[in-house]
């Protein structure tokens, strides 16, 4: 059998410092007194991938609070692809 080429997701994972855990967790993006619901797709100690309603309205820096554990993290966007953003925790 022939081997499959690396997918974009696999290539992205190889650049990460640590492994990310796949999750499907509701969360909130908060900035300047307003908040927006979002969904954390995967997470690590260094960052996360988040599905958002419209990335145009998400500021470059914001706070992310996961609904289940109520942990608040300061985030900075490092990439955007359609309605998904990648952030690092600061």
PDB file of N, CA and C in Angstrom:
ATOM      1  N   UNK A   1       0.828  -1.180   0.000  1.00  0.00           N
ATOM      2  CA  UNK A   1       0.000   0.000   0.000  1.00  0.00           C
ATOM      3  C   UNK A   1       0.878   1.250   0.000  1.00  0.00           C
ATOM      4  N   UNK A   2       0.395   2.287  -0.641  1.00  0.00           N
ATOM      5  CA  UNK A   2       1.151   3.533  -0.662  1.00  0.00           C
ATOM      6  C   UNK A   2       0.790   4.361   0.568  1.00  0.00           C
ATOM      7  N   UNK A   3       1.747   5.165   1.005  1.00  0.00           N
ATOM      8  CA  UNK A   3       1.472   6.014   2.163  1.00  0.00           C
ATOM      9  C   UNK A   3       0.733   7.267   1.723  1.00  0.00           C
ATOM     10  N   UNK A   4      -0.092   7.779   2.612  1.00  0.00           N
ATOM     11  CA  UNK A   4      -0.871   8.977   2.334  1.00  0.00           C
ATOM     12  C   UNK A   4      -0.015  10.211   2.589  1.00  0.00           C
ATOM     13  N   UNK A   5      -0.193  11.280   1.814  1.00  0.00           N
ATOM     14  CA  UNK A   5       0.537  12.523   2.089  1.00  0.00           C
ATOM     15  C   UNK A   5       0.042  13.145   3.390  1.00  0.00           C
ATOM     16  N   UNK A   6       0.891  13.972   3.998  1.00  0.00           N
ATOM     17  CA  UNK A   6       0.508  14.655   5.230  1.00  0.00           C
ATOM     18  C   UNK A   6      -0.640  15.610   4.962  1.00  0.00           C
ATOM     19  N   UNK A   7      -1.615  15.603   5.825  1.00  0.00           N
ATOM     20  CA  UNK A   7      -2.716  16.548   5.697  1.00  0.00           C
ATOM     21  C   UNK A   7      -2.282  17.886   6.272  1.00  0.00           C
ATOM     22  N   UNK A   8      -3.032  18.940   5.979  1.00  0.00           N
ATOM     23  CA  UNK A   8      -2.744  20.263   6.522  1.00  0.00           C
ATOM     24  C   UNK A   8      -2.788  20.220   8.039  1.00  0.00           C
ATOM     25  N   UNK A   9      -3.754  19.512   8.601  1.00  0.00           N
ATOM     26  CA  UNK A   9      -3.873  19.427  10.058  1.00  0.00           C
ATOM     27  C   UNK A   9      -2.640  18.757  10.657  1.00  0.00           C
ATOM     28  N   UNK A  10      -2.154  17.695  10.024  1.00  0.00           N
ATOM     29  CA  UNK A  10      -0.971  17.008  10.527  1.00  0.00           C
ATOM     30  C   UNK A  10       0.238  17.922  10.452  1.00  0.00           C
ATOM     31  N   UNK A  11       0.388  18.645   9.362  1.00  0.00           N
ATOM     32  CA  UNK A  11       1.514  19.565   9.216  1.00  0.00           C
ATOM     33  C   UNK A  11       1.459  20.659  10.280  1.00  0.00           C
ATOM     34  N   UNK A  12       0.258  21.161  10.600  1.00  0.00           N
ATOM     35  CA  UNK A  12       0.116  22.198  11.618  1.00  0.00           C
ATOM     36  C   UNK A  12       0.480  21.655  12.993  1.00  0.00           C
ATOM     37  N   UNK A  13       0.081  20.418  13.281  1.00  0.00           N
ATOM     38  CA  UNK A  13       0.365  19.828  14.581  1.00  0.00           C
ATOM     39  C   UNK A  13       1.858  19.677  14.795  1.00  0.00           C
ATOM     40  N   UNK A  14       2.608  19.403  13.735  1.00  0.00           N
ATOM     41  CA  UNK A  14       4.044  19.199  13.858  1.00  0.00           C
ATOM     42  C   UNK A  14       4.768  20.484  14.246  1.00  0.00           C
ATOM     43  N   UNK A  15       4.182  21.653  13.994  1.00  0.00           N
ATOM     44  CA  UNK A  15       4.800  22.926  14.361  1.00  0.00           C
ATOM     45  C   UNK A  15       4.499  23.309  15.803  1.00  0.00           C
ATOM     46  N   UNK A  16       3.597  22.631  16.448  1.00  0.00           N
ATOM     47  CA  UNK A  16       3.200  22.965  17.808  1.00  0.00           C
ATOM     48  C   UNK A  16       4.235  22.453  18.801  1.00  0.00           C
ATOM     49  N   UNK A  17       4.363  23.194  19.912  1.00  0.00           N
ATOM     50  CA  UNK A  17       5.298  22.790  20.954  1.00  0.00           C
ATOM     51  C   UNK A  17       4.799  21.560  21.702  1.00  0.00           C
ATOM     52  N   UNK A  18       3.495  21.522  21.940  1.00  0.00           N
ATOM     53  CA  UNK A  18       2.917  20.415  22.689  1.00  0.00           C
ATOM     54  C   UNK A  18       1.686  19.891  22.009  1.00  0.00           C
ATOM     55  N   UNK A  19       1.274  18.682  22.346  1.00  0.00           N
ATOM     56  CA  UNK A  19       0.079  18.105  21.731  1.00  0.00           C
ATOM     57  C   UNK A  19      -1.192  18.820  22.169  1.00  0.00           C
ATOM     58  N   UNK A  20      -2.149  18.874  21.264  1.00  0.00           N
ATOM     59  CA  UNK A  20      -3.455  19.457  21.589  1.00  0.00           C
ATOM     60  C   UNK A  20      -4.467  18.342  21.753  1.00  0.00           C
ATOM     61  N   UNK A  21      -5.344  18.510  22.703  1.00  0.00           N
ATOM     62  CA  UNK A  21      -6.414  17.545  22.936  1.00  0.00           C
ATOM     63  C   UNK A  21      -7.651  18.013  22.184  1.00  0.00           C
ATOM     64  N   UNK A  22      -8.257  17.110  21.434  1.00  0.00           N
ATOM     65  CA  UNK A  22      -9.509  17.436  20.752  1.00  0.00           C
ATOM     66  C   UNK A  22     -10.613  17.545  21.797  1.00  0.00           C
ATOM     67  N   UNK A  23     -11.336  18.658  21.741  1.00  0.00           N
ATOM     68  CA  UNK A  23     -12.458  18.877  22.654  1.00  0.00           C
ATOM     69  C   UNK A  23     -13.604  19.470  21.843  1.00  0.00           C
ATOM     70  N   UNK A  24     -14.743  19.536  22.426  1.00  0.00           N
ATOM     71  CA  UNK A  24     -15.902  20.196  21.815  1.00  0.00           C
ATOM     72  C   UNK A  24     -16.600  20.904  22.963  1.00  0.00           C
ATOM     73  N   UNK A  25     -16.024  22.046  23.362  1.00  0.00           N
ATOM     74  CA  UNK A  25     -16.461  22.699  24.588  1.00  0.00           C
ATOM     75  C   UNK A  25     -16.950  24.120  24.328  1.00  0.00           C
ATOM     76  N   UNK A  26     -18.144  24.452  24.798  1.00  0.00           N
ATOM     77  CA  UNK A  26     -18.622  25.823  24.673  1.00  0.00           C
ATOM     78  C   UNK A  26     -17.760  26.764  25.513  1.00  0.00           C
ATOM     79  N   UNK A  27     -17.603  27.994  25.007  1.00  0.00           N
ATOM     80  CA  UNK A  27     -16.786  28.986  25.699  1.00  0.00           C
ATOM     81  C   UNK A  27     -17.276  30.378  25.318  1.00  0.00           C
ATOM     82  N   UNK A  28     -16.640  31.383  25.907  1.00  0.00           N
ATOM     83  CA  UNK A  28     -16.980  32.777  25.625  1.00  0.00           C
ATOM     84  C   UNK A  28     -15.722  33.580  25.351  1.00  0.00           C
ATOM     85  N   UNK A  29     -15.786  34.430  24.343  1.00  0.00           N
ATOM     86  CA  UNK A  29     -14.745  35.396  24.046  1.00  0.00           C
ATOM     87  C   UNK A  29     -15.202  36.708  24.665  1.00  0.00           C
ATOM     88  N   UNK A  30     -14.328  37.321  25.459  1.00  0.00           N
ATOM     89  CA  UNK A  30     -14.681  38.562  26.138  1.00  0.00           C
ATOM     90  C   UNK A  30     -13.636  39.631  25.840  1.00  0.00           C
ATOM     91  N   UNK A  31     -14.128  40.838  25.505  1.00  0.00           N
ATOM     92  CA  UNK A  31     -13.232  41.952  25.240  1.00  0.00           C
ATOM     93  C   UNK A  31     -14.015  43.254  25.334  1.00  0.00           C
ATOM     94  N   UNK A  32     -13.448  44.227  26.005  1.00  0.00           N
ATOM     95  CA  UNK A  32     -14.034  45.570  26.106  1.00  0.00           C
ATOM     96  C   UNK A  32     -15.494  45.552  26.577  1.00  0.00           C
ATOM     97  N   UNK A  33     -15.809  44.688  27.541  1.00  0.00           N
ATOM     98  CA  UNK A  33     -17.137  44.677  28.134  1.00  0.00           C
ATOM     99  C   UNK A  33     -18.196  43.881  27.399  1.00  0.00           C
ATOM    100  N   UNK A  34     -17.853  43.278  26.268  1.00  0.00           N
ATOM    101  CA  UNK A  34     -18.840  42.456  25.558  1.00  0.00           C
ATOM    102  C   UNK A  34     -18.315  41.027  25.441  1.00  0.00           C
ATOM    103  N   UNK A  35     -19.226  40.089  25.234  1.00  0.00           N
ATOM    104  CA  UNK A  35     -18.810  38.694  25.071  1.00  0.00           C
ATOM    105  C   UNK A  35     -19.555  38.041  23.922  1.00  0.00           C
ATOM    106  N   UNK A  36     -18.919  37.023  23.358  1.00  0.00           N
ATOM    107  CA  UNK A  36     -19.466  36.263  22.238  1.00  0.00           C
ATOM    108  C   UNK A  36     -19.287  34.789  22.523  1.00  0.00           C
ATOM    109  N   UNK A  37     -20.320  34.021  22.270  1.00  0.00           N
ATOM    110  CA  UNK A  37     -20.219  32.572  22.430  1.00  0.00           C
ATOM    111  C   UNK A  37     -19.354  31.995  21.321  1.00  0.00           C
ATOM    112  N   UNK A  38     -18.594  30.946  21.668  1.00  0.00           N
ATOM    113  CA  UNK A  38     -17.757  30.262  20.688  1.00  0.00           C
ATOM    114  C   UNK A  38     -17.636  28.803  21.109  1.00  0.00           C
ATOM    115  N   UNK A  39     -16.835  28.044  20.384  1.00  0.00           N
ATOM    116  CA  UNK A  39     -16.638  26.633  20.704  1.00  0.00           C
ATOM    117  C   UNK A  39     -15.160  26.295  20.560  1.00  0.00           C
ATOM    118  N   UNK A  40     -14.563  25.770  21.642  1.00  0.00           N
ATOM    119  CA  UNK A  40     -13.167  25.338  21.600  1.00  0.00           C
ATOM    120  C   UNK A  40     -13.125  23.966  20.929  1.00  0.00           C
ATOM    121  N   UNK A  41     -12.314  23.863  19.877  1.00  0.00           N
ATOM    122  CA  UNK A  41     -12.221  22.631  19.095  1.00  0.00           C
ATOM    123  C   UNK A  41     -11.087  21.757  19.603  1.00  0.00           C
ATOM    124  N   UNK A  42      -9.935  22.383  19.876  1.00  0.00           N
ATOM    125  CA  UNK A  42      -8.825  21.659  20.491  1.00  0.00           C
ATOM    126  C   UNK A  42      -8.035  22.635  21.345  1.00  0.00           C
ATOM    127  N   UNK A  43      -7.282  22.069  22.300  1.00  0.00           N
ATOM    128  CA  UNK A  43      -6.601  22.922  23.275  1.00  0.00           C
ATOM    129  C   UNK A  43      -5.330  22.244  23.766  1.00  0.00           C
ATOM    130  N   UNK A  44      -4.332  23.067  24.096  1.00  0.00           N
ATOM    131  CA  UNK A  44      -3.103  22.597  24.733  1.00  0.00           C
ATOM    132  C   UNK A  44      -2.721  23.606  25.799  1.00  0.00           C
ATOM    133  N   UNK A  45      -1.592  23.402  26.427  1.00  0.00           N
ATOM    134  CA  UNK A  45      -1.112  24.362  27.420  1.00  0.00           C
ATOM    135  C   UNK A  45      -0.746  25.691  26.767  1.00  0.00           C
ATOM    136  N   UNK A  46      -0.387  25.674  25.482  1.00  0.00           N
ATOM    137  CA  UNK A  46       0.071  26.880  24.787  1.00  0.00           C
ATOM    138  C   UNK A  46      -1.006  27.628  24.013  1.00  0.00           C
ATOM    139  N   UNK A  47      -2.079  26.942  23.578  1.00  0.00           N
ATOM    140  CA  UNK A  47      -3.068  27.609  22.751  1.00  0.00           C
ATOM    141  C   UNK A  47      -4.257  26.729  22.418  1.00  0.00           C
ATOM    142  N   UNK A  48      -5.059  27.207  21.459  1.00  0.00           N
ATOM    143  CA  UNK A  48      -6.288  26.493  21.112  1.00  0.00           C
ATOM    144  C   UNK A  48      -6.747  26.865  19.715  1.00  0.00           C
ATOM    145  N   UNK A  49      -7.626  26.044  19.168  1.00  0.00           N
ATOM    146  CA  UNK A  49      -8.372  26.364  17.954  1.00  0.00           C
ATOM    147  C   UNK A  49      -9.816  26.560  18.380  1.00  0.00           C
ATOM    148  N   UNK A  50     -10.424  27.634  17.884  1.00  0.00           N
ATOM    149  CA  UNK A  50     -11.752  28.027  18.335  1.00  0.00           C
ATOM    150  C   UNK A  50     -12.632  28.327  17.135  1.00  0.00           C
ATOM    151  N   UNK A  51     -13.838  27.780  17.128  1.00  0.00           N
ATOM    152  CA  UNK A  51     -14.834  28.137  16.119  1.00  0.00           C
ATOM    153  C   UNK A  51     -15.614  29.341  16.620  1.00  0.00           C
ATOM    154  N   UNK A  52     -15.721  30.365  15.775  1.00  0.00           N
ATOM    155  CA  UNK A  52     -16.402  31.609  16.139  1.00  0.00           C
ATOM    156  C   UNK A  52     -17.466  31.933  15.090  1.00  0.00           C
ATOM    157  N   UNK A  53     -18.509  32.699  15.474  1.00  0.00           N
ATOM    158  CA  UNK A  53     -19.548  33.049  14.499  1.00  0.00           C
ATOM    159  C   UNK A  53     -18.997  33.846  13.314  1.00  0.00           C
ATOM    160  N   UNK A  54     -18.141  34.841  13.592  1.00  0.00           N
ATOM    161  CA  UNK A  54     -17.541  35.648  12.526  1.00  0.00           C
ATOM    162  C   UNK A  54     -16.218  36.210  13.028  1.00  0.00           C
ATOM    163  N   UNK A  55     -15.085  35.715  12.505  1.00  0.00           N
ATOM    164  CA  UNK A  55     -13.785  36.156  13.008  1.00  0.00           C
ATOM    165  C   UNK A  55     -13.506  37.647  12.802  1.00  0.00           C
ATOM    166  N   UNK A  56     -14.240  38.305  11.906  1.00  0.00           N
ATOM    167  CA  UNK A  56     -14.050  39.735  11.668  1.00  0.00           C
ATOM    168  C   UNK A  56     -14.319  40.539  12.933  1.00  0.00           C
ATOM    169  N   UNK A  57     -15.226  40.045  13.766  1.00  0.00           N
ATOM    170  CA  UNK A  57     -15.613  40.770  14.973  1.00  0.00           C
ATOM    171  C   UNK A  57     -14.845  40.343  16.223  1.00  0.00           C
ATOM    172  N   UNK A  58     -13.849  39.481  16.062  1.00  0.00           N
ATOM    173  CA  UNK A  58     -13.037  39.046  17.200  1.00  0.00           C
ATOM    174  C   UNK A  58     -11.762  39.884  17.222  1.00  0.00           C
ATOM    175  N   UNK A  59     -11.489  40.590  18.326  1.00  0.00           N
ATOM    176  CA  UNK A  59     -10.279  41.411  18.385  1.00  0.00           C
ATOM    177  C   UNK A  59      -9.018  40.538  18.416  1.00  0.00           C
ATOM    178  N   UNK A  60      -7.894  41.129  18.081  1.00  0.00           N
ATOM    179  CA  UNK A  60      -6.620  40.393  18.037  1.00  0.00           C
ATOM    180  C   UNK A  60      -6.246  39.815  19.399  1.00  0.00           C
ATOM    181  N   UNK A  61      -6.615  40.518  20.466  1.00  0.00           N
ATOM    182  CA  UNK A  61      -6.371  40.033  21.829  1.00  0.00           C
ATOM    183  C   UNK A  61      -7.690  40.042  22.588  1.00  0.00           C
ATOM    184  N   UNK A  62      -7.934  38.979  23.347  1.00  0.00           N
ATOM    185  CA  UNK A  62      -9.181  38.860  24.102  1.00  0.00           C
ATOM    186  C   UNK A  62      -9.004  37.859  25.222  1.00  0.00           C
ATOM    187  N   UNK A  63     -10.034  37.718  26.053  1.00  0.00           N
ATOM    188  CA  UNK A  63     -10.042  36.696  27.090  1.00  0.00           C
ATOM    189  C   UNK A  63     -11.004  35.593  26.674  1.00  0.00           C
ATOM    190  N   UNK A  64     -10.590  34.362  26.900  1.00  0.00           N
ATOM    191  CA  UNK A  64     -11.399  33.185  26.600  1.00  0.00           C
ATOM    192  C   UNK A  64     -11.766  32.515  27.913  1.00  0.00           C
ATOM    193  N   UNK A  65     -13.071  32.263  28.116  1.00  0.00           N
ATOM    194  CA  UNK A  65     -13.512  31.549  29.305  1.00  0.00           C
ATOM    195  C   UNK A  65     -14.261  30.299  28.854  1.00  0.00           C
ATOM    196  N   UNK A  66     -13.748  29.145  29.257  1.00  0.00           N
ATOM    197  CA  UNK A  66     -14.431  27.895  28.946  1.00  0.00           C
ATOM    198  C   UNK A  66     -15.619  27.735  29.883  1.00  0.00           C
ATOM    199  N   UNK A  67     -16.717  27.250  29.324  1.00  0.00           N
ATOM    200  CA  UNK A  67     -17.960  27.168  30.085  1.00  0.00           C
ATOM    201  C   UNK A  67     -17.903  26.126  31.198  1.00  0.00           C
ATOM    202  N   UNK A  68     -17.281  24.984  30.929  1.00  0.00           N
ATOM    203  CA  UNK A  68     -17.290  23.893  31.906  1.00  0.00           C
ATOM    204  C   UNK A  68     -16.459  24.185  33.143  1.00  0.00           C
ATOM    205  N   UNK A  69     -15.215  24.642  32.970  1.00  0.00           N
ATOM    206  CA  UNK A  69     -14.350  24.840  34.135  1.00  0.00           C
ATOM    207  C   UNK A  69     -14.175  26.303  34.528  1.00  0.00           C
ATOM    208  N   UNK A  70     -14.741  27.229  33.724  1.00  0.00           N
ATOM    209  CA  UNK A  70     -14.701  28.675  34.012  1.00  0.00           C
ATOM    210  C   UNK A  70     -13.279  29.240  34.091  1.00  0.00           C
ATOM    211  N   UNK A  71     -12.316  28.582  33.451  1.00  0.00           N
ATOM    212  CA  UNK A  71     -10.942  29.091  33.409  1.00  0.00           C
ATOM    213  C   UNK A  71     -10.888  30.234  32.399  1.00  0.00           C
ATOM    214  N   UNK A  72     -10.271  31.352  32.797  1.00  0.00           N
ATOM    215  CA  UNK A  72     -10.135  32.509  31.924  1.00  0.00           C
ATOM    216  C   UNK A  72      -8.685  32.590  31.457  1.00  0.00           C
ATOM    217  N   UNK A  73      -8.495  32.684  30.134  1.00  0.00           N
ATOM    218  CA  UNK A  73      -7.150  32.761  29.557  1.00  0.00           C
ATOM    219  C   UNK A  73      -7.050  33.993  28.670  1.00  0.00           C
ATOM    220  N   UNK A  74      -5.918  34.699  28.749  1.00  0.00           N
ATOM    221  CA  UNK A  74      -5.636  35.790  27.832  1.00  0.00           C
ATOM    222  C   UNK A  74      -5.127  35.184  26.527  1.00  0.00           C
ATOM    223  N   UNK A  75      -5.708  35.616  25.406  1.00  0.00           N
ATOM    224  CA  UNK A  75      -5.400  35.016  24.109  1.00  0.00           C
ATOM    225  C   UNK A  75      -4.974  36.059  23.090  1.00  0.00           C
ATOM    226  N   UNK A  76      -4.191  35.600  22.117  1.00  0.00           N
ATOM    227  CA  UNK A  76      -3.826  36.410  20.961  1.00  0.00           C
ATOM    228  C   UNK A  76      -4.013  35.545  19.720  1.00  0.00           C
ATOM    229  N   UNK A  77      -4.705  36.072  18.714  1.00  0.00           N
ATOM    230  CA  UNK A  77      -4.944  35.324  17.480  1.00  0.00           C
ATOM    231  C   UNK A  77      -3.646  35.209  16.684  1.00  0.00           C
ATOM    232  N   UNK A  78      -3.348  33.992  16.225  1.00  0.00           N
ATOM    233  CA  UNK A  78      -2.158  33.775  15.395  1.00  0.00           C
ATOM    234  C   UNK A  78      -2.518  33.321  13.984  1.00  0.00           C
ATOM    235  N   UNK A  79      -3.723  32.803  13.777  1.00  0.00           N
ATOM    236  CA  UNK A  79      -4.181  32.470  12.430  1.00  0.00           C
ATOM    237  C   UNK A  79      -5.701  32.430  12.390  1.00  0.00           C
ATOM    238  N   UNK A  80      -6.229  32.608  11.178  1.00  0.00           N
ATOM    239  CA  UNK A  80      -7.677  32.550  10.937  1.00  0.00           C
ATOM    240  C   UNK A  80      -7.905  31.774   9.652  1.00  0.00           C
ATOM    241  N   UNK A  81      -8.859  30.874   9.680  1.00  0.00           N
ATOM    242  CA  UNK A  81      -9.262  30.137   8.478  1.00  0.00           C
ATOM    243  C   UNK A  81     -10.767  29.952   8.542  1.00  0.00           C
ATOM    244  N   UNK A  82     -11.479  30.657   7.674  1.00  0.00           N
ATOM    245  CA  UNK A  82     -12.936  30.687   7.659  1.00  0.00           C
ATOM    246  C   UNK A  82     -13.448  31.092   9.034  1.00  0.00           C
ATOM    247  N   UNK A  83     -14.249  30.263   9.700  1.00  0.00           N
ATOM    248  CA  UNK A  83     -14.793  30.618  11.013  1.00  0.00           C
ATOM    249  C   UNK A  83     -14.003  30.000  12.168  1.00  0.00           C
ATOM    250  N   UNK A  84     -12.775  29.603  11.901  1.00  0.00           N
ATOM    251  CA  UNK A  84     -11.932  29.030  12.946  1.00  0.00           C
ATOM    252  C   UNK A  84     -10.715  29.943  13.147  1.00  0.00           C
ATOM    253  N   UNK A  85     -10.388  30.198  14.421  1.00  0.00           N
ATOM    254  CA  UNK A  85      -9.192  30.970  14.729  1.00  0.00           C
ATOM    255  C   UNK A  85      -8.264  30.129  15.585  1.00  0.00           C
ATOM    256  N   UNK A  86      -6.977  30.371  15.435  1.00  0.00           N
ATOM    257  CA  UNK A  86      -5.968  29.743  16.282  1.00  0.00           C
ATOM    258  C   UNK A  86      -5.403  30.804  17.199  1.00  0.00           C
ATOM    259  N   UNK A  87      -5.299  30.485  18.480  1.00  0.00           N
ATOM    260  CA  UNK A  87      -4.791  31.443  19.449  1.00  0.00           C
ATOM    261  C   UNK A  87      -3.657  30.839  20.254  1.00  0.00           C
ATOM    262  N   UNK A  88      -2.806  31.743  20.757  1.00  0.00           N
ATOM    263  CA  UNK A  88      -1.836  31.336  21.768  1.00  0.00           C
ATOM    264  C   UNK A  88      -2.261  31.992  23.066  1.00  0.00           C
ATOM    265  N   UNK A  89      -1.952  31.323  24.175  1.00  0.00           N
ATOM    266  CA  UNK A  89      -2.268  31.874  25.483  1.00  0.00           C
ATOM    267  C   UNK A  89      -1.103  32.736  25.934  1.00  0.00           C
ATOM    268  N   UNK A  90      -1.416  33.926  26.428  1.00  0.00           N
ATOM    269  CA  UNK A  90      -0.365  34.848  26.866  1.00  0.00           C
ATOM    270  C   UNK A  90      -0.299  34.919  28.378  1.00  0.00           C
TER     271      UNK A  90
END
